[in-house]
Amino acid sequence: MTEPTYQSVQDVVDDVRALGPLGGSAYGQSAATAFKLAAADPAIESAAALFASLDQLVAVLLAEKPTMATIHNAQALIIEKTRRERETTLQMKKAAIIKRAELFIALSQQAVERLGQVGGNLIEDGQVVMMHSFSKSLMSIFRQAREMGKDFRVICSESRPTHESRVALKQLTGWGIPVTYVLDAAVATLLPQAHWCLVGADSLSIDGAAANKVGTYQLAVLAHQFNKPLYVATEVMKLQRKTIEGQPIQLEHRPAHEVLKQLHPGFEFPDGVTVWNQFFDLTPAALIRSLITEQGIISPGAIGAAWDKLAAAFE
């Protein structure tokens, strides 16, 4: 897949508004790139102006994608850590923003590659894995399992209404992995064929619950019913730190037209009907077998300790 090339902060904002980045890792990397571009703006001539610009940018990005923990964490690890360094010049602050943004992007990319190795080891010859929605972490696992010479099959649910799973189809078949593409509503019918289930995450709570594309919770409940393990492939960077203080993960809602445009041409939607288009749902930690991370396979409740190890790199 071709990665976007951003020339300006506005390029990033436009791409986020168009749902261009695919998966939580991509949104975090896009946010970090935007911070880097903002810090390089020669028109900014004071620290106050620099952080005002960055704060406004964060507000815009989070207004579009409030559930994405990677955007929140890019803000914390890049902007806030630099803001607290009071004994520095403007140029030093700009350089620190750029350096931390580059580190954030590099660590995210490395994390996806590393967790792919870990998850790839879990897949065995002849297995069937059911997935939901699109995630770079999932793709890394499947790719690396295939590179290990393993033969397996994937059942891929469609991920309505924006059908992110379709992006996975070309990649999976390109690697020689047979895929069955199934309606979200038919997951229970095909789930008995699967050995286990694999999903990504856009945010994790401190107790290990996972926010991911709507339909994930449904899959987790069904996996529990059929006694199929469900694993979450995720960077440690997906921890939503505000949950440590008891605040909930904000689950994004999208416009009604994303659902209505799926209807047959000419269908007139009756008055008095409300369209509920929540983009993410929250899967309780009790329904998750383990998290597959760059630090290895960990229990959902161990995400806090894993975060502390990651955050130390930005000091």
C-alpha atoms as a PDB file:
ATOM      1  CA  MET A   1       0.000   0.000   0.000  1.00  0.00           C
ATOM      2  CA  THR A   2       1.325   3.455  -0.899  1.00  0.00           C
ATOM      3  CA  GLU A   3       1.816   5.688   2.128  1.00  0.00           C
ATOM      4  CA  PRO A   4       0.626   9.300   1.837  1.00  0.00           C
ATOM      5  CA  THR A   5       3.190  12.020   1.228  1.00  0.00           C
ATOM      6  CA  TYR A   6       2.248  15.139   3.140  1.00  0.00           C
ATOM      7  CA  GLN A   7       3.606  18.504   2.048  1.00  0.00           C
ATOM      8  CA  SER A   8       1.723  20.638   4.552  1.00  0.00           C
ATOM      9  CA  VAL A   9      -0.256  20.513   7.777  1.00  0.00           C
ATOM     10  CA  GLN A  10      -3.422  21.037   5.743  1.00  0.00           C
ATOM     11  CA  ASP A  11      -2.612  17.914   3.709  1.00  0.00           C
ATOM     12  CA  VAL A  12      -2.708  15.900   6.923  1.00  0.00           C
ATOM     13  CA  VAL A  13      -5.943  17.494   8.126  1.00  0.00           C
ATOM     14  CA  ASP A  14      -7.629  16.886   4.774  1.00  0.00           C
ATOM     15  CA  ASP A  15      -6.512  13.251   4.741  1.00  0.00           C
ATOM     16  CA  VAL A  16      -7.796  12.651   8.271  1.00  0.00           C
ATOM     17  CA  ARG A  17     -11.150  14.235   7.416  1.00  0.00           C
ATOM     18  CA  ALA A  18     -11.393  11.935   4.395  1.00  0.00           C
ATOM     19  CA  LEU A  19     -10.624   8.868   6.578  1.00  0.00           C
ATOM     20  CA  GLY A  20      -7.466   8.405   4.541  1.00  0.00           C
ATOM     21  CA  PRO A  21      -5.207   6.876   7.203  1.00  0.00           C
ATOM     22  CA  LEU A  22      -6.045   3.222   7.758  1.00  0.00           C
ATOM     23  CA  GLY A  23      -5.834   2.058  11.350  1.00  0.00           C
ATOM     24  CA  GLY A  24      -4.770   3.638  14.614  1.00  0.00           C
ATOM     25  CA  SER A  25      -1.063   3.388  13.846  1.00  0.00           C
ATOM     26  CA  ALA A  26      -1.522   5.354  10.635  1.00  0.00           C
ATOM     27  CA  TYR A  27      -3.478   8.098  12.397  1.00  0.00           C
ATOM     28  CA  GLY A  28      -0.762   8.492  15.008  1.00  0.00           C
ATOM     29  CA  GLN A  29       1.955   8.652  12.385  1.00  0.00           C
ATOM     30  CA  SER A  30      -0.052  11.217  10.420  1.00  0.00           C
ATOM     31  CA  ALA A  31      -0.514  13.345  13.545  1.00  0.00           C
ATOM     32  CA  ALA A  32       3.208  13.198  14.316  1.00  0.00           C
ATOM     33  CA  THR A  33       3.972  14.243  10.744  1.00  0.00           C
ATOM     34  CA  ALA A  34       1.610  17.203  11.112  1.00  0.00           C
ATOM     35  CA  PHE A  35       3.362  18.280  14.325  1.00  0.00           C
ATOM     36  CA  LYS A  36       6.709  18.034  12.559  1.00  0.00           C
ATOM     37  CA  LEU A  37       5.497  20.156   9.644  1.00  0.00           C
ATOM     38  CA  ALA A  38       4.004  22.733  12.013  1.00  0.00           C
ATOM     39  CA  ALA A  39       7.257  23.007  13.962  1.00  0.00           C
ATOM     40  CA  ALA A  40       9.191  23.595  10.749  1.00  0.00           C
ATOM     41  CA  ASP A  41       7.058  26.627   9.821  1.00  0.00           C
ATOM     42  CA  PRO A  42       9.440  29.624   9.608  1.00  0.00           C
ATOM     43  CA  ALA A  43       6.535  32.027  10.175  1.00  0.00           C
ATOM     44  CA  ILE A  44       6.310  30.930  13.817  1.00  0.00           C
ATOM     45  CA  GLU A  45       8.542  33.294  15.778  1.00  0.00           C
ATOM     46  CA  SER A  46       7.761  32.569  19.432  1.00  0.00           C
ATOM     47  CA  ALA A  47       7.224  29.605  21.712  1.00  0.00           C
ATOM     48  CA  ALA A  48       3.725  30.860  22.495  1.00  0.00           C
ATOM     49  CA  ALA A  49       2.861  30.919  18.794  1.00  0.00           C
ATOM     50  CA  LEU A  50       4.377  27.469  18.296  1.00  0.00           C
ATOM     51  CA  PHE A  51       2.313  25.807  20.995  1.00  0.00           C
ATOM     52  CA  ALA A  52      -0.816  27.753  20.075  1.00  0.00           C
ATOM     53  CA  SER A  53      -0.481  26.400  16.539  1.00  0.00           C
ATOM     54  CA  LEU A  54       0.115  22.860  17.770  1.00  0.00           C
ATOM     55  CA  ASP A  55      -2.764  22.999  20.255  1.00  0.00           C
ATOM     56  CA  GLN A  56      -5.136  24.173  17.535  1.00  0.00           C
ATOM     57  CA  LEU A  57      -3.935  21.372  15.273  1.00  0.00           C
ATOM     58  CA  VAL A  58      -4.513  18.763  17.978  1.00  0.00           C
ATOM     59  CA  ALA A  59      -8.035  20.091  18.538  1.00  0.00           C
ATOM     60  CA  VAL A  60      -8.823  19.743  14.834  1.00  0.00           C
ATOM     61  CA  LEU A  61      -7.455  16.200  14.612  1.00  0.00           C
ATOM     62  CA  LEU A  62      -9.232  15.012  17.751  1.00  0.00           C
ATOM     63  CA  ALA A  63     -12.493  16.606  16.648  1.00  0.00           C
ATOM     64  CA  GLU A  64     -12.314  14.327  13.609  1.00  0.00           C
ATOM     65  CA  LYS A  65     -11.011  11.159  15.320  1.00  0.00           C
ATOM     66  CA  PRO A  66     -11.554  11.364  19.099  1.00  0.00           C
ATOM     67  CA  THR A  67     -11.195   7.627  19.665  1.00  0.00           C
ATOM     68  CA  MET A  68      -7.659   7.389  18.267  1.00  0.00           C
ATOM     69  CA  ALA A  69      -5.325   6.922  21.227  1.00  0.00           C
ATOM     70  CA  THR A  70      -2.316   7.401  18.981  1.00  0.00           C
ATOM     71  CA  ILE A  71      -3.298  11.031  18.331  1.00  0.00           C
ATOM     72  CA  HIS A  72      -3.713  11.648  22.061  1.00  0.00           C
ATOM     73  CA  ASN A  73      -0.363   9.993  22.735  1.00  0.00           C
ATOM     74  CA  ALA A  74       1.417  11.841  19.950  1.00  0.00           C
ATOM     75  CA  GLN A  75       0.264  15.023  21.653  1.00  0.00           C
ATOM     76  CA  ALA A  76       1.502  13.840  25.066  1.00  0.00           C
ATOM     77  CA  LEU A  77       4.848  12.431  23.977  1.00  0.00           C
ATOM     78  CA  ILE A  78       5.766  15.054  21.387  1.00  0.00           C
ATOM     79  CA  ILE A  79       4.072  18.329  22.313  1.00  0.00           C
ATOM     80  CA  GLU A  80       3.592  18.147  26.071  1.00  0.00           C
ATOM     81  CA  LYS A  81       7.046  16.779  26.843  1.00  0.00           C
ATOM     82  CA  THR A  82       8.575  19.596  24.790  1.00  0.00           C
ATOM     83  CA  ARG A  83       6.313  22.213  26.364  1.00  0.00           C
ATOM     84  CA  ARG A  84       7.589  21.245  29.827  1.00  0.00           C
ATOM     85  CA  GLU A  85      11.207  21.910  28.827  1.00  0.00           C
ATOM     86  CA  ARG A  86      11.171  25.552  29.931  1.00  0.00           C
ATOM     87  CA  GLU A  87      14.892  26.314  29.738  1.00  0.00           C
ATOM     88  CA  THR A  88      15.130  26.182  25.954  1.00  0.00           C
ATOM     89  CA  THR A  89      15.016  28.595  23.032  1.00  0.00           C
ATOM     90  CA  LEU A  90      12.376  28.608  20.313  1.00  0.00           C
ATOM     91  CA  GLN A  91      14.703  26.858  17.887  1.00  0.00           C
ATOM     92  CA  MET A  92      15.481  24.200  20.479  1.00  0.00           C
ATOM     93  CA  LYS A  93      11.767  23.640  21.054  1.00  0.00           C
ATOM     94  CA  LYS A  94      11.143  23.341  17.326  1.00  0.00           C
ATOM     95  CA  ALA A  95      14.021  20.892  17.000  1.00  0.00           C
ATOM     96  CA  ALA A  96      12.715  18.871  19.950  1.00  0.00           C
ATOM     97  CA  ILE A  97       9.238  18.647  18.394  1.00  0.00           C
ATOM     98  CA  ILE A  98      10.732  17.424  15.133  1.00  0.00           C
ATOM     99  CA  LYS A  99      13.035  14.928  16.865  1.00  0.00           C
ATOM    100  CA  ARG A 100      10.270  13.478  19.028  1.00  0.00           C
ATOM    101  CA  ALA A 101       7.893  13.310  16.047  1.00  0.00           C
ATOM    102  CA  GLU A 102      10.461  11.354  14.060  1.00  0.00           C
ATOM    103  CA  LEU A 103      11.017   9.041  17.038  1.00  0.00           C
ATOM    104  CA  PHE A 104       7.262   8.518  17.413  1.00  0.00           C
ATOM    105  CA  ILE A 105       6.901   7.557  13.744  1.00  0.00           C
ATOM    106  CA  ALA A 106       9.935   5.261  13.809  1.00  0.00           C
ATOM    107  CA  LEU A 107       8.844   3.467  16.986  1.00  0.00           C
ATOM    108  CA  SER A 108       5.325   3.012  15.615  1.00  0.00           C
ATOM    109  CA  GLN A 109       6.611   1.501  12.384  1.00  0.00           C
ATOM    110  CA  GLN A 110       9.010  -0.753  14.275  1.00  0.00           C
ATOM    111  CA  ALA A 111       6.241  -1.812  16.653  1.00  0.00           C
ATOM    112  CA  VAL A 112       3.968  -2.928  13.824  1.00  0.00           C
ATOM    113  CA  GLU A 113       6.795  -4.937  12.277  1.00  0.00           C
ATOM    114  CA  ARG A 114       7.832  -6.508  15.578  1.00  0.00           C
ATOM    115  CA  LEU A 115       4.325  -7.491  16.690  1.00  0.00           C
ATOM    116  CA  GLY A 116       3.862  -9.020  13.258  1.00  0.00           C
ATOM    117  CA  GLN A 117       6.682 -11.424  14.056  1.00  0.00           C
ATOM    118  CA  VAL A 118       5.107 -12.279  17.402  1.00  0.00           C
ATOM    119  CA  GLY A 119       1.655 -12.811  15.935  1.00  0.00           C
ATOM    120  CA  GLY A 120       3.015 -14.681  12.952  1.00  0.00           C
ATOM    121  CA  ASN A 121       4.443 -17.256  15.327  1.00  0.00           C
ATOM    122  CA  LEU A 122       0.928 -17.937  16.653  1.00  0.00           C
ATOM    123  CA  ILE A 123      -0.491 -18.961  13.279  1.00  0.00           C
ATOM    124  CA  GLU A 124      -0.086 -22.638  12.455  1.00  0.00           C
ATOM    125  CA  ASP A 125      -0.271 -24.517   9.167  1.00  0.00           C
ATOM    126  CA  GLY A 126      -3.823 -25.363   8.198  1.00  0.00           C
ATOM    127  CA  GLN A 127      -5.457 -22.894  10.542  1.00  0.00           C
ATOM    128  CA  VAL A 128      -8.340 -20.569   9.746  1.00  0.00           C
ATOM    129  CA  VAL A 129      -8.267 -17.108  11.334  1.00  0.00           C
ATOM    130  CA  MET A 130     -11.274 -14.768  11.412  1.00  0.00           C
ATOM    131  CA  MET A 131     -10.529 -11.033  11.264  1.00  0.00           C
ATOM    132  CA  HIS A 132     -12.619  -7.863  11.395  1.00  0.00           C
ATOM    133  CA  SER A 133     -11.874  -4.432   9.888  1.00  0.00           C
ATOM    134  CA  PHE A 134      -8.463  -3.293   8.633  1.00  0.00           C
ATOM    135  CA  SER A 135      -5.343  -2.915  10.723  1.00  0.00           C
ATOM    136  CA  LYS A 136      -1.688  -2.579   9.762  1.00  0.00           C
ATOM    137  CA  SER A 137      -0.940  -4.779  12.756  1.00  0.00           C
ATOM    138  CA  LEU A 138      -3.151  -7.557  11.396  1.00  0.00           C
ATOM    139  CA  MET A 139      -1.590  -7.264   7.976  1.00  0.00           C
ATOM    140  CA  SER A 140       1.891  -7.446   9.487  1.00  0.00           C
ATOM    141  CA  ILE A 141       0.970 -10.671  11.284  1.00  0.00           C
ATOM    142  CA  PHE A 142      -0.534 -12.318   8.212  1.00  0.00           C
ATOM    143  CA  ARG A 143       2.317 -11.217   5.949  1.00  0.00           C
ATOM    144  CA  GLN A 144       5.008 -12.482   8.264  1.00  0.00           C
ATOM    145  CA  ALA A 145       3.231 -15.769   8.908  1.00  0.00           C
ATOM    146  CA  ARG A 146       3.125 -16.278   5.145  1.00  0.00           C
ATOM    147  CA  GLU A 147       6.817 -15.378   4.862  1.00  0.00           C
ATOM    148  CA  MET A 148       7.488 -18.106   7.428  1.00  0.00           C
ATOM    149  CA  GLY A 149       6.044 -20.520   4.870  1.00  0.00           C
ATOM    150  CA  LYS A 150       2.789 -21.173   6.684  1.00  0.00           C
ATOM    151  CA  ASP A 151      -0.367 -22.078   4.779  1.00  0.00           C
ATOM    152  CA  PHE A 152      -3.577 -20.798   6.344  1.00  0.00           C
ATOM    153  CA  ARG A 153      -6.892 -19.192   5.438  1.00  0.00           C
ATOM    154  CA  VAL A 154      -8.531 -15.952   6.565  1.00  0.00           C
ATOM    155  CA  ILE A 155     -12.232 -15.220   7.030  1.00  0.00           C
ATOM    156  CA  CYS A 156     -12.667 -11.468   6.669  1.00  0.00           C
ATOM    157  CA  SER A 157     -15.876  -9.725   7.759  1.00  0.00           C
ATOM    158  CA  GLU A 158     -16.852  -6.669   5.744  1.00  0.00           C
ATOM    159  CA  SER A 159     -16.793  -3.973   8.483  1.00  0.00           C
ATOM    160  CA  ARG A 160     -19.813  -1.889   7.539  1.00  0.00           C
ATOM    161  CA  PRO A 161     -20.681   0.801   6.687  1.00  0.00           C
ATOM    162  CA  THR A 162     -17.302   2.016   5.381  1.00  0.00           C
ATOM    163  CA  HIS A 163     -16.026  -1.492   4.590  1.00  0.00           C
ATOM    164  CA  GLU A 164     -12.414  -1.063   5.735  1.00  0.00           C
ATOM    165  CA  SER A 165     -11.892  -4.817   5.422  1.00  0.00           C
ATOM    166  CA  ARG A 166     -11.943  -4.529   1.642  1.00  0.00           C
ATOM    167  CA  VAL A 167      -8.493  -2.941   1.840  1.00  0.00           C
ATOM    168  CA  ALA A 168      -7.167  -6.178   3.321  1.00  0.00           C
ATOM    169  CA  LEU A 169      -8.424  -8.384   0.489  1.00  0.00           C
ATOM    170  CA  LYS A 170      -5.882  -7.332  -2.131  1.00  0.00           C
ATOM    171  CA  GLN A 171      -3.010  -7.524   0.327  1.00  0.00           C
ATOM    172  CA  LEU A 172      -3.948 -10.959   1.629  1.00  0.00           C
ATOM    173  CA  THR A 173      -4.523 -12.491  -1.791  1.00  0.00           C
ATOM    174  CA  GLY A 174      -1.337 -10.842  -3.041  1.00  0.00           C
ATOM    175  CA  TRP A 175       0.555 -12.828  -0.423  1.00  0.00           C
ATOM    176  CA  GLY A 176      -1.129 -16.028  -1.556  1.00  0.00           C
ATOM    177  CA  ILE A 177      -3.490 -16.257   1.413  1.00  0.00           C
ATOM    178  CA  PRO A 178      -6.977 -17.612   0.587  1.00  0.00           C
ATOM    179  CA  VAL A 179      -9.711 -15.305   1.878  1.00  0.00           C
ATOM    180  CA  THR A 180     -13.433 -15.717   2.462  1.00  0.00           C
ATOM    181  CA  TYR A 181     -15.209 -12.339   2.578  1.00  0.00           C
ATOM    182  CA  VAL A 182     -18.335 -12.508   4.715  1.00  0.00           C
ATOM    183  CA  LEU A 183     -21.198 -10.226   5.699  1.00  0.00           C
ATOM    184  CA  ASP A 184     -20.928  -8.847   9.224  1.00  0.00           C
ATOM    185  CA  ALA A 185     -24.346 -10.367   9.874  1.00  0.00           C
ATOM    186  CA  ALA A 186     -23.090 -13.842   8.882  1.00  0.00           C
ATOM    187  CA  VAL A 187     -20.112 -13.993  11.247  1.00  0.00           C
ATOM    188  CA  ALA A 188     -21.835 -16.481  13.571  1.00  0.00           C
ATOM    189  CA  THR A 189     -22.465 -18.839  10.663  1.00  0.00           C
ATOM    190  CA  LEU A 190     -18.812 -19.069   9.616  1.00  0.00           C
ATOM    191  CA  LEU A 191     -17.124 -18.645  12.991  1.00  0.00           C
ATOM    192  CA  PRO A 192     -17.197 -22.398  13.772  1.00  0.00           C
ATOM    193  CA  GLN A 193     -14.759 -22.863  10.856  1.00  0.00           C
ATOM    194  CA  ALA A 194     -12.159 -20.604  12.499  1.00  0.00           C
ATOM    195  CA  HIS A 195      -9.515 -21.725  14.971  1.00  0.00           C
ATOM    196  CA  TRP A 196      -9.245 -18.256  16.502  1.00  0.00           C
ATOM    197  CA  CYS A 197     -10.070 -14.593  15.900  1.00  0.00           C
ATOM    198  CA  LEU A 198      -7.781 -11.620  15.363  1.00  0.00           C
ATOM    199  CA  VAL A 199      -8.670  -7.924  15.530  1.00  0.00           C
ATOM    200  CA  GLY A 200      -6.822  -4.655  15.930  1.00  0.00           C
ATOM    201  CA  ALA A 201      -7.411  -1.778  18.327  1.00  0.00           C
ATOM    202  CA  ASP A 202      -7.693   1.977  18.048  1.00  0.00           C
ATOM    203  CA  SER A 203      -7.638   2.539  21.811  1.00  0.00           C
ATOM    204  CA  LEU A 204      -7.002   0.429  24.887  1.00  0.00           C
ATOM    205  CA  SER A 205      -8.232   1.191  28.376  1.00  0.00           C
ATOM    206  CA  ILE A 206      -5.978   0.642  31.369  1.00  0.00           C
ATOM    207  CA  ASP A 207      -7.822  -2.601  32.184  1.00  0.00           C
ATOM    208  CA  GLY A 208      -7.146  -3.927  28.677  1.00  0.00           C
ATOM    209  CA  ALA A 209     -10.552  -3.344  27.081  1.00  0.00           C
ATOM    210  CA  ALA A 210     -10.190  -2.587  23.366  1.00  0.00           C
ATOM    211  CA  ALA A 211     -11.979   0.012  21.254  1.00  0.00           C
ATOM    212  CA  ASN A 212     -12.057  -1.028  17.612  1.00  0.00           C
ATOM    213  CA  LYS A 213     -14.313  -0.767  14.575  1.00  0.00           C
ATOM    214  CA  VAL A 214     -17.940  -1.459  15.473  1.00  0.00           C
ATOM    215  CA  GLY A 215     -18.659  -5.156  15.136  1.00  0.00           C
ATOM    216  CA  THR A 216     -15.586  -6.179  17.117  1.00  0.00           C
ATOM    217  CA  TYR A 217     -17.561  -6.543  20.355  1.00  0.00           C
ATOM    218  CA  GLN A 218     -20.116  -8.652  18.510  1.00  0.00           C
ATOM    219  CA  LEU A 219     -17.330 -10.901  17.213  1.00  0.00           C
ATOM    220  CA  ALA A 220     -15.841 -11.195  20.709  1.00  0.00           C
ATOM    221  CA  VAL A 221     -19.173 -12.257  22.207  1.00  0.00           C
ATOM    222  CA  LEU A 222     -19.643 -14.855  19.476  1.00  0.00           C
ATOM    223  CA  ALA A 223     -16.054 -16.075  19.852  1.00  0.00           C
ATOM    224  CA  HIS A 224     -16.713 -16.619  23.547  1.00  0.00           C
ATOM    225  CA  GLN A 225     -19.918 -18.496  22.728  1.00  0.00           C
ATOM    226  CA  PHE A 226     -18.079 -20.784  20.289  1.00  0.00           C
ATOM    227  CA  ASN A 227     -15.011 -21.128  22.541  1.00  0.00           C
ATOM    228  CA  LYS A 228     -12.700 -19.463  20.016  1.00  0.00           C
ATOM    229  CA  PRO A 229      -9.805 -17.390  21.404  1.00  0.00           C
ATOM    230  CA  LEU A 230      -9.830 -13.718  20.403  1.00  0.00           C
ATOM    231  CA  TYR A 231      -6.500 -11.893  20.218  1.00  0.00           C
ATOM    232  CA  VAL A 232      -5.999  -8.143  19.833  1.00  0.00           C
ATOM    233  CA  ALA A 233      -2.990  -7.052  17.769  1.00  0.00           C
ATOM    234  CA  THR A 234      -1.908  -3.635  18.964  1.00  0.00           C
ATOM    235  CA  GLU A 235       0.959  -1.287  19.540  1.00  0.00           C
ATOM    236  CA  VAL A 236       1.463  -0.372  23.179  1.00  0.00           C
ATOM    237  CA  MET A 237       0.998   3.198  21.883  1.00  0.00           C
ATOM    238  CA  LYS A 238      -2.753   2.496  21.707  1.00  0.00           C
ATOM    239  CA  LEU A 239      -3.233   2.873  25.472  1.00  0.00           C
ATOM    240  CA  GLN A 240      -5.707   5.685  26.159  1.00  0.00           C
ATOM    241  CA  ARG A 241      -3.983   7.166  29.213  1.00  0.00           C
ATOM    242  CA  LYS A 242      -6.978   9.143  30.458  1.00  0.00           C
ATOM    243  CA  THR A 243      -8.595   5.832  31.406  1.00  0.00           C
ATOM    244  CA  ILE A 244      -6.025   5.584  34.206  1.00  0.00           C
ATOM    245  CA  GLU A 245      -7.949   8.439  35.846  1.00  0.00           C
ATOM    246  CA  GLY A 246     -11.300   6.770  35.298  1.00  0.00           C
ATOM    247  CA  GLN A 247     -12.283   8.656  32.148  1.00  0.00           C
ATOM    248  CA  PRO A 248     -13.968   6.588  29.427  1.00  0.00           C
ATOM    249  CA  ILE A 249     -12.777   6.140  25.870  1.00  0.00           C
ATOM    250  CA  GLN A 250     -14.852   8.420  23.646  1.00  0.00           C
ATOM    251  CA  LEU A 251     -16.447   6.313  20.927  1.00  0.00           C
ATOM    252  CA  GLU A 252     -16.802   8.245  17.685  1.00  0.00           C
ATOM    253  CA  HIS A 253     -20.123   8.603  15.891  1.00  0.00           C
ATOM    254  CA  ARG A 254     -20.219   9.235  12.145  1.00  0.00           C
ATOM    255  CA  PRO A 255     -22.755  10.986   9.878  1.00  0.00           C
ATOM    256  CA  ALA A 256     -25.989   9.228   8.937  1.00  0.00           C
ATOM    257  CA  HIS A 257     -25.271   9.483   5.216  1.00  0.00           C
ATOM    258  CA  GLU A 258     -22.513   6.855   5.524  1.00  0.00           C
ATOM    259  CA  VAL A 259     -25.244   4.338   6.351  1.00  0.00           C
ATOM    260  CA  LEU A 260     -27.967   5.749   4.109  1.00  0.00           C
ATOM    261  CA  LYS A 261     -25.806   5.696   0.979  1.00  0.00           C
ATOM    262  CA  GLN A 262     -25.685   1.893   1.297  1.00  0.00           C
ATOM    263  CA  LEU A 263     -29.411   1.691   0.549  1.00  0.00           C
ATOM    264  CA  HIS A 264     -30.797   0.980  -2.890  1.00  0.00           C
ATOM    265  CA  PRO A 265     -30.961   3.960  -5.288  1.00  0.00           C
ATOM    266  CA  GLY A 266     -34.338   5.617  -5.108  1.00  0.00           C
ATOM    267  CA  PHE A 267     -35.133   4.378  -1.612  1.00  0.00           C
ATOM    268  CA  GLU A 268     -36.759   7.172   0.382  1.00  0.00           C
ATOM    269  CA  PHE A 269     -35.830   7.021   4.035  1.00  0.00           C
ATOM    270  CA  PRO A 270     -38.972   7.692   6.119  1.00  0.00           C
ATOM    271  CA  ASP A 271     -39.216  10.604   8.511  1.00  0.00           C
ATOM    272  CA  GLY A 272     -39.045   9.865  12.215  1.00  0.00           C
ATOM    273  CA  VAL A 273     -36.170   7.366  11.978  1.00  0.00           C
ATOM    274  CA  THR A 274     -32.845   8.080  13.684  1.00  0.00           C
ATOM    275  CA  VAL A 275     -29.699   6.571  12.186  1.00  0.00           C
ATOM    276  CA  TRP A 276     -27.282   5.277  14.834  1.00  0.00           C
ATOM    277  CA  ASN A 277     -23.821   5.185  13.269  1.00  0.00           C
ATOM    278  CA  GLN A 278     -21.317   4.591  16.050  1.00  0.00           C
ATOM    279  CA  PHE A 279     -17.953   3.934  14.418  1.00  0.00           C
ATOM    280  CA  PHE A 280     -16.266   2.028  17.262  1.00  0.00           C
ATOM    281  CA  ASP A 281     -17.319  -0.281  20.063  1.00  0.00           C
ATOM    282  CA  LEU A 282     -15.577  -1.421  23.250  1.00  0.00           C
ATOM    283  CA  THR A 283     -14.692  -5.063  23.859  1.00  0.00           C
ATOM    284  CA  PRO A 284     -14.250  -5.925  27.556  1.00  0.00           C
ATOM    285  CA  ALA A 285     -10.891  -7.348  28.602  1.00  0.00           C
ATOM    286  CA  ALA A 286     -12.644 -10.493  29.851  1.00  0.00           C
ATOM    287  CA  LEU A 287     -13.404 -11.446  26.229  1.00  0.00           C
ATOM    288  CA  ILE A 288      -9.788 -10.978  25.070  1.00  0.00           C
ATOM    289  CA  ARG A 289      -7.349 -13.910  25.332  1.00  0.00           C
ATOM    290  CA  SER A 290      -4.210 -11.753  25.016  1.00  0.00           C
ATOM    291  CA  LEU A 291      -2.751  -8.636  23.432  1.00  0.00           C
ATOM    292  CA  ILE A 292      -0.175  -9.192  20.689  1.00  0.00           C
ATOM    293  CA  THR A 293       2.267  -6.285  21.072  1.00  0.00           C
ATOM    294  CA  GLU A 294       5.794  -5.289  20.109  1.00  0.00           C
ATOM    295  CA  GLN A 295       6.794  -6.261  23.653  1.00  0.00           C
ATOM    296  CA  GLY A 296       5.416  -9.763  23.171  1.00  0.00           C
ATOM    297  CA  ILE A 297       2.133 -11.438  24.058  1.00  0.00           C
ATOM    298  CA  ILE A 298       0.786  -9.875  27.234  1.00  0.00           C
ATOM    299  CA  SER A 299      -2.371 -10.116  29.294  1.00  0.00           C
ATOM    300  CA  PRO A 300      -4.803  -7.225  28.733  1.00  0.00           C
ATOM    301  CA  GLY A 301      -4.220  -5.894  32.244  1.00  0.00           C
ATOM    302  CA  ALA A 302      -0.457  -5.601  31.664  1.00  0.00           C
ATOM    303  CA  ILE A 303      -0.812  -2.730  29.193  1.00  0.00           C
ATOM    304  CA  GLY A 304      -0.011  -0.074  31.819  1.00  0.00           C
ATOM    305  CA  ALA A 305       3.409  -1.526  32.615  1.00  0.00           C
ATOM    306  CA  ALA A 306       4.119  -1.884  28.896  1.00  0.00           C
ATOM    307  CA  TRP A 307       3.251   1.804  28.413  1.00  0.00           C
ATOM    308  CA  ASP A 308       5.704   2.902  31.105  1.00  0.00           C
ATOM    309  CA  LYS A 309       8.482   1.088  29.275  1.00  0.00           C
ATOM    310  CA  LEU A 310       7.560   2.731  25.965  1.00  0.00           C
ATOM    311  CA  ALA A 311       7.170   6.273  27.330  1.00  0.00           C
ATOM    312  CA  ALA A 312      10.670   6.220  28.820  1.00  0.00           C
ATOM    313  CA  ALA A 313      12.108   6.473  25.288  1.00  0.00           C
ATOM    314  CA  PHE A 314      10.726  10.025  24.949  1.00  0.00           C
ATOM    315  CA  GLU A 315      12.411  11.480  28.039  1.00  0.00           C
END
